[in-house]
Amino acid sequence: MSLILWLALALSPTVEQAKPGQPVATAPTGPISTANPASIAAYLQKEGYRSKLFADDGSPYIESAANGAKFYIYLQNCKEDKDCQDLMFRSSYDLNKDKPVTIDTINLFNADNRWARAYLNKDGEPVIEYDVLFTDQKVDEKMFGEAIAIWVDVLGTFHKAIDY
């Protein structure tokens, strides 16, 4: 490994070193684990997605994008903001108020979709969520890649449904 790469990796901040609300540099990919949120962000980058890991005052989360929309990956079911068990992907949309998305549109999407759920938030904006469960805080790259592929496909379908 080159000295520059080694120094960059050695000096990259970890989740614990980050300031609240600031992005955290990602770590090299390896086993994907909710115990190491940087491994999730690194995997997304390796697959060509942009990703930023944030260490907020609560549980860590990742910001990314696909199909022209920003989405977030929230670590869930954590003990003391670590030892998380699963992930929730979420994307929300502030669309044209002259042509709001109706509850009928959301219900049709939900009826035809196995993997994700959608709803209108308190402001009437459409939101889509998707859960990914881990076993013992780990998942292999192939399985996680399948989960990402499903999410990206569902986002595209949701965008068509809400005319995004």
C-alpha atoms as a PDB file:
ATOM      1  CA  MET A   1       0.000   0.000   0.000  1.00  0.00           C
ATOM      2  CA  SER A   2       1.378   3.415  -0.864  1.00  0.00           C
ATOM      3  CA  LEU A   3       2.447   5.701   1.946  1.00  0.00           C
ATOM      4  CA  ILE A   4      -0.056   8.381   0.879  1.00  0.00           C
ATOM      5  CA  LEU A   5      -2.984   5.936   0.906  1.00  0.00           C
ATOM      6  CA  TRP A   6      -1.866   4.519   4.258  1.00  0.00           C
ATOM      7  CA  LEU A   7      -1.623   8.035   5.763  1.00  0.00           C
ATOM      8  CA  ALA A   8      -5.025   9.027   4.360  1.00  0.00           C
ATOM      9  CA  LEU A   9      -6.648   5.950   5.872  1.00  0.00           C
ATOM     10  CA  ALA A  10      -4.812   6.249   9.162  1.00  0.00           C
ATOM     11  CA  LEU A  11      -5.742   9.911   9.573  1.00  0.00           C
ATOM     12  CA  SER A  12      -9.370   9.582   8.440  1.00  0.00           C
ATOM     13  CA  PRO A  13     -11.760  10.431  11.260  1.00  0.00           C
ATOM     14  CA  THR A  14     -13.917   7.696  12.693  1.00  0.00           C
ATOM     15  CA  VAL A  15     -17.516   8.107  13.757  1.00  0.00           C
ATOM     16  CA  GLU A  16     -16.356   8.754  17.309  1.00  0.00           C
ATOM     17  CA  GLN A  17     -13.966  11.543  16.204  1.00  0.00           C
ATOM     18  CA  ALA A  18     -16.468  13.470  14.083  1.00  0.00           C
ATOM     19  CA  LYS A  19     -18.110  16.676  15.228  1.00  0.00           C
ATOM     20  CA  PRO A  20     -21.920  16.519  15.486  1.00  0.00           C
ATOM     21  CA  GLY A  21     -23.597  17.246  12.149  1.00  0.00           C
ATOM     22  CA  GLN A  22     -20.345  16.981  10.176  1.00  0.00           C
ATOM     23  CA  PRO A  23     -19.634  14.350   7.514  1.00  0.00           C
ATOM     24  CA  VAL A  24     -17.154  11.661   8.387  1.00  0.00           C
ATOM     25  CA  ALA A  25     -14.560  10.300   5.989  1.00  0.00           C
ATOM     26  CA  THR A  26     -15.279   6.737   4.970  1.00  0.00           C
ATOM     27  CA  ALA A  27     -13.114   3.735   5.672  1.00  0.00           C
ATOM     28  CA  PRO A  28     -12.006   1.095   3.196  1.00  0.00           C
ATOM     29  CA  THR A  29     -14.710  -1.438   2.469  1.00  0.00           C
ATOM     30  CA  GLY A  30     -14.711  -4.781   4.186  1.00  0.00           C
ATOM     31  CA  PRO A  31     -17.425  -6.767   5.870  1.00  0.00           C
ATOM     32  CA  ILE A  32     -20.543  -4.620   5.834  1.00  0.00           C
ATOM     33  CA  SER A  33     -21.666  -4.080   9.380  1.00  0.00           C
ATOM     34  CA  THR A  34     -24.005  -1.840  11.314  1.00  0.00           C
ATOM     35  CA  ALA A  35     -21.286  -1.839  13.981  1.00  0.00           C
ATOM     36  CA  ASN A  36     -19.075  -0.021  11.426  1.00  0.00           C
ATOM     37  CA  PRO A  37     -21.263   2.510   9.559  1.00  0.00           C
ATOM     38  CA  ALA A  38     -18.209   3.570   7.539  1.00  0.00           C
ATOM     39  CA  SER A  39     -18.284   0.123   5.883  1.00  0.00           C
ATOM     40  CA  ILE A  40     -21.769   0.909   4.527  1.00  0.00           C
ATOM     41  CA  ALA A  41     -20.714   4.323   3.186  1.00  0.00           C
ATOM     42  CA  ALA A  42     -17.546   2.824   1.682  1.00  0.00           C
ATOM     43  CA  TYR A  43     -19.526   0.076  -0.057  1.00  0.00           C
ATOM     44  CA  LEU A  44     -21.849   2.654  -1.627  1.00  0.00           C
ATOM     45  CA  GLN A  45     -18.853   4.629  -2.887  1.00  0.00           C
ATOM     46  CA  LYS A  46     -17.237   1.478  -4.252  1.00  0.00           C
ATOM     47  CA  GLU A  47     -20.423   0.804  -6.214  1.00  0.00           C
ATOM     48  CA  GLY A  48     -20.434   4.337  -7.679  1.00  0.00           C
ATOM     49  CA  TYR A  49     -22.873   6.087  -5.352  1.00  0.00           C
ATOM     50  CA  ARG A  50     -21.899   9.206  -3.530  1.00  0.00           C
ATOM     51  CA  SER A  51     -22.159   8.799   0.213  1.00  0.00           C
ATOM     52  CA  LYS A  52     -21.403  10.845   3.285  1.00  0.00           C
ATOM     53  CA  LEU A  53     -21.448   9.415   6.772  1.00  0.00           C
ATOM     54  CA  PHE A  54     -22.683  11.733   9.505  1.00  0.00           C
ATOM     55  CA  ALA A  55     -22.114  11.317  13.203  1.00  0.00           C
ATOM     56  CA  ASP A  56     -24.922  13.403  14.628  1.00  0.00           C
ATOM     57  CA  ASP A  57     -25.805  13.726  18.295  1.00  0.00           C
ATOM     58  CA  GLY A  58     -27.876  10.551  17.832  1.00  0.00           C
ATOM     59  CA  SER A  59     -27.293   7.458  15.740  1.00  0.00           C
ATOM     60  CA  PRO A  60     -25.045   7.765  12.681  1.00  0.00           C
ATOM     61  CA  TYR A  61     -26.649   8.128   9.259  1.00  0.00           C
ATOM     62  CA  ILE A  62     -25.548   8.184   5.630  1.00  0.00           C
ATOM     63  CA  GLU A  63     -26.590  10.590   2.886  1.00  0.00           C
ATOM     64  CA  SER A  64     -26.583   9.289  -0.685  1.00  0.00           C
ATOM     65  CA  ALA A  65     -28.547   9.588  -3.942  1.00  0.00           C
ATOM     66  CA  ALA A  66     -30.021   7.467  -6.721  1.00  0.00           C
ATOM     67  CA  ASN A  67     -32.460   8.039  -9.582  1.00  0.00           C
ATOM     68  CA  GLY A  68     -32.005  11.794  -9.235  1.00  0.00           C
ATOM     69  CA  ALA A  69     -33.101  11.929  -5.594  1.00  0.00           C
ATOM     70  CA  LYS A  70     -31.269  12.264  -2.310  1.00  0.00           C
ATOM     71  CA  PHE A  71     -31.879   9.542   0.248  1.00  0.00           C
ATOM     72  CA  TYR A  72     -30.736   8.744   3.748  1.00  0.00           C
ATOM     73  CA  ILE A  73     -29.769   5.510   5.456  1.00  0.00           C
ATOM     74  CA  TYR A  74     -30.506   5.588   9.167  1.00  0.00           C
ATOM     75  CA  LEU A  75     -28.993   3.043  11.539  1.00  0.00           C
ATOM     76  CA  GLN A  76     -31.828   1.644  13.661  1.00  0.00           C
ATOM     77  CA  ASN A  77     -32.417  -0.297  16.872  1.00  0.00           C
ATOM     78  CA  CYS A  78     -29.220   0.984  18.437  1.00  0.00           C
ATOM     79  CA  LYS A  79     -28.087   0.686  22.022  1.00  0.00           C
ATOM     80  CA  GLU A  80     -26.586   3.982  23.181  1.00  0.00           C
ATOM     81  CA  ASP A  81     -26.123   5.184  19.566  1.00  0.00           C
ATOM     82  CA  LYS A  82     -24.059   2.120  18.638  1.00  0.00           C
ATOM     83  CA  ASP A  83     -24.541  -1.618  18.361  1.00  0.00           C
ATOM     84  CA  CYS A  84     -27.233  -0.994  15.741  1.00  0.00           C
ATOM     85  CA  GLN A  85     -29.157  -3.940  14.333  1.00  0.00           C
ATOM     86  CA  ASP A  86     -30.614  -2.751  11.021  1.00  0.00           C
ATOM     87  CA  LEU A  87     -31.000   0.086   8.523  1.00  0.00           C
ATOM     88  CA  MET A  88     -33.870   2.195   7.262  1.00  0.00           C
ATOM     89  CA  PHE A  89     -33.583   3.883   3.874  1.00  0.00           C
ATOM     90  CA  ARG A  90     -35.731   7.010   3.481  1.00  0.00           C
ATOM     91  CA  SER A  91     -36.394   9.563   0.790  1.00  0.00           C
ATOM     92  CA  SER A  92     -38.900  12.411   0.947  1.00  0.00           C
ATOM     93  CA  TYR A  93     -40.089  14.858  -1.670  1.00  0.00           C
ATOM     94  CA  ASP A  94     -41.190  18.484  -1.590  1.00  0.00           C
ATOM     95  CA  LEU A  95     -43.161  18.550  -4.828  1.00  0.00           C
ATOM     96  CA  ASN A  96     -45.281  21.084  -6.691  1.00  0.00           C
ATOM     97  CA  LYS A  97     -48.052  22.184  -4.323  1.00  0.00           C
ATOM     98  CA  ASP A  98     -50.351  22.840  -7.337  1.00  0.00           C
ATOM     99  CA  LYS A  99     -50.386  19.114  -8.094  1.00  0.00           C
ATOM    100  CA  PRO A 100     -50.081  17.304  -4.752  1.00  0.00           C
ATOM    101  CA  VAL A 101     -49.631  13.568  -4.490  1.00  0.00           C
ATOM    102  CA  THR A 102     -52.867  12.016  -3.283  1.00  0.00           C
ATOM    103  CA  ILE A 103     -53.375   9.322  -0.702  1.00  0.00           C
ATOM    104  CA  ASP A 104     -54.894   7.212  -3.505  1.00  0.00           C
ATOM    105  CA  THR A 105     -51.555   7.386  -5.371  1.00  0.00           C
ATOM    106  CA  ILE A 106     -49.705   6.330  -2.222  1.00  0.00           C
ATOM    107  CA  ASN A 107     -52.179   3.492  -1.560  1.00  0.00           C
ATOM    108  CA  LEU A 108     -51.823   2.185  -5.139  1.00  0.00           C
ATOM    109  CA  PHE A 109     -48.041   2.247  -4.811  1.00  0.00           C
ATOM    110  CA  ASN A 110     -48.179   0.385  -1.498  1.00  0.00           C
ATOM    111  CA  ALA A 111     -50.628  -2.200  -2.855  1.00  0.00           C
ATOM    112  CA  ASP A 112     -48.334  -2.990  -5.786  1.00  0.00           C
ATOM    113  CA  ASN A 113     -45.028  -2.857  -3.914  1.00  0.00           C
ATOM    114  CA  ARG A 114     -43.643  -5.634  -1.773  1.00  0.00           C
ATOM    115  CA  TRP A 115     -40.397  -4.086  -0.565  1.00  0.00           C
ATOM    116  CA  ALA A 116     -41.033  -0.523   0.582  1.00  0.00           C
ATOM    117  CA  ARG A 117     -43.770   1.543   2.129  1.00  0.00           C
ATOM    118  CA  ALA A 118     -44.847   5.052   1.277  1.00  0.00           C
ATOM    119  CA  TYR A 119     -46.922   7.637   3.084  1.00  0.00           C
ATOM    120  CA  LEU A 120     -47.697  11.333   3.141  1.00  0.00           C
ATOM    121  CA  ASN A 121     -45.998  13.183   5.991  1.00  0.00           C
ATOM    122  CA  LYS A 122     -47.727  15.824   8.142  1.00  0.00           C
ATOM    123  CA  ASP A 123     -47.092  18.421   5.405  1.00  0.00           C
ATOM    124  CA  GLY A 124     -48.637  16.189   2.721  1.00  0.00           C
ATOM    125  CA  GLU A 125     -45.257  15.393   1.153  1.00  0.00           C
ATOM    126  CA  PRO A 126     -44.597  11.851  -0.113  1.00  0.00           C
ATOM    127  CA  VAL A 127     -42.068   9.738   1.780  1.00  0.00           C
ATOM    128  CA  ILE A 128     -40.759   6.273   0.966  1.00  0.00           C
ATOM    129  CA  GLU A 129     -38.995   3.938   3.407  1.00  0.00           C
ATOM    130  CA  TYR A 130     -37.293   0.574   3.100  1.00  0.00           C
ATOM    131  CA  ASP A 131     -35.842  -1.603   5.876  1.00  0.00           C
ATOM    132  CA  VAL A 132     -32.770  -3.818   5.642  1.00  0.00           C
ATOM    133  CA  LEU A 133     -32.231  -6.313   8.445  1.00  0.00           C
ATOM    134  CA  PHE A 134     -28.815  -7.575   9.446  1.00  0.00           C
ATOM    135  CA  THR A 135     -27.894 -10.802  11.231  1.00  0.00           C
ATOM    136  CA  ASP A 136     -25.500 -10.196  14.111  1.00  0.00           C
ATOM    137  CA  GLN A 137     -24.845  -6.711  12.678  1.00  0.00           C
ATOM    138  CA  LYS A 138     -23.297  -8.129   9.473  1.00  0.00           C
ATOM    139  CA  VAL A 139     -24.225  -8.819   5.873  1.00  0.00           C
ATOM    140  CA  ASP A 140     -22.039  -9.896   2.965  1.00  0.00           C
ATOM    141  CA  GLU A 141     -21.437  -7.621  -0.019  1.00  0.00           C
ATOM    142  CA  LYS A 142     -23.517  -9.727  -2.422  1.00  0.00           C
ATOM    143  CA  MET A 143     -26.573  -9.622  -0.171  1.00  0.00           C
ATOM    144  CA  PHE A 144     -26.156  -5.903   0.553  1.00  0.00           C
ATOM    145  CA  GLY A 145     -25.735  -5.260  -3.174  1.00  0.00           C
ATOM    146  CA  GLU A 146     -29.088  -6.978  -3.750  1.00  0.00           C
ATOM    147  CA  ALA A 147     -30.674  -4.778  -1.079  1.00  0.00           C
ATOM    148  CA  ILE A 148     -29.289  -1.649  -2.760  1.00  0.00           C
ATOM    149  CA  ALA A 149     -30.533  -2.848  -6.170  1.00  0.00           C
ATOM    150  CA  ILE A 150     -34.034  -3.353  -4.752  1.00  0.00           C
ATOM    151  CA  TRP A 151     -33.980   0.121  -3.179  1.00  0.00           C
ATOM    152  CA  VAL A 152     -32.865   1.786  -6.425  1.00  0.00           C
ATOM    153  CA  ASP A 153     -35.560  -0.097  -8.376  1.00  0.00           C
ATOM    154  CA  VAL A 154     -38.247   0.829  -5.828  1.00  0.00           C
ATOM    155  CA  LEU A 155     -37.163   4.488  -5.954  1.00  0.00           C
ATOM    156  CA  GLY A 156     -37.589   4.508  -9.738  1.00  0.00           C
ATOM    157  CA  THR A 157     -41.045   2.964  -9.425  1.00  0.00           C
ATOM    158  CA  PHE A 158     -42.000   5.456  -6.722  1.00  0.00           C
ATOM    159  CA  HIS A 159     -40.800   8.376  -8.841  1.00  0.00           C
ATOM    160  CA  LYS A 160     -43.080   7.256 -11.651  1.00  0.00           C
ATOM    161  CA  ALA A 161     -45.997   6.880  -9.245  1.00  0.00           C
ATOM    162  CA  ILE A 162     -45.596  10.381  -7.817  1.00  0.00           C
ATOM    163  CA  ASP A 163     -44.619  11.946 -11.179  1.00  0.00           C
ATOM    164  CA  TYR A 164     -41.188  13.024  -9.914  1.00  0.00           C
END
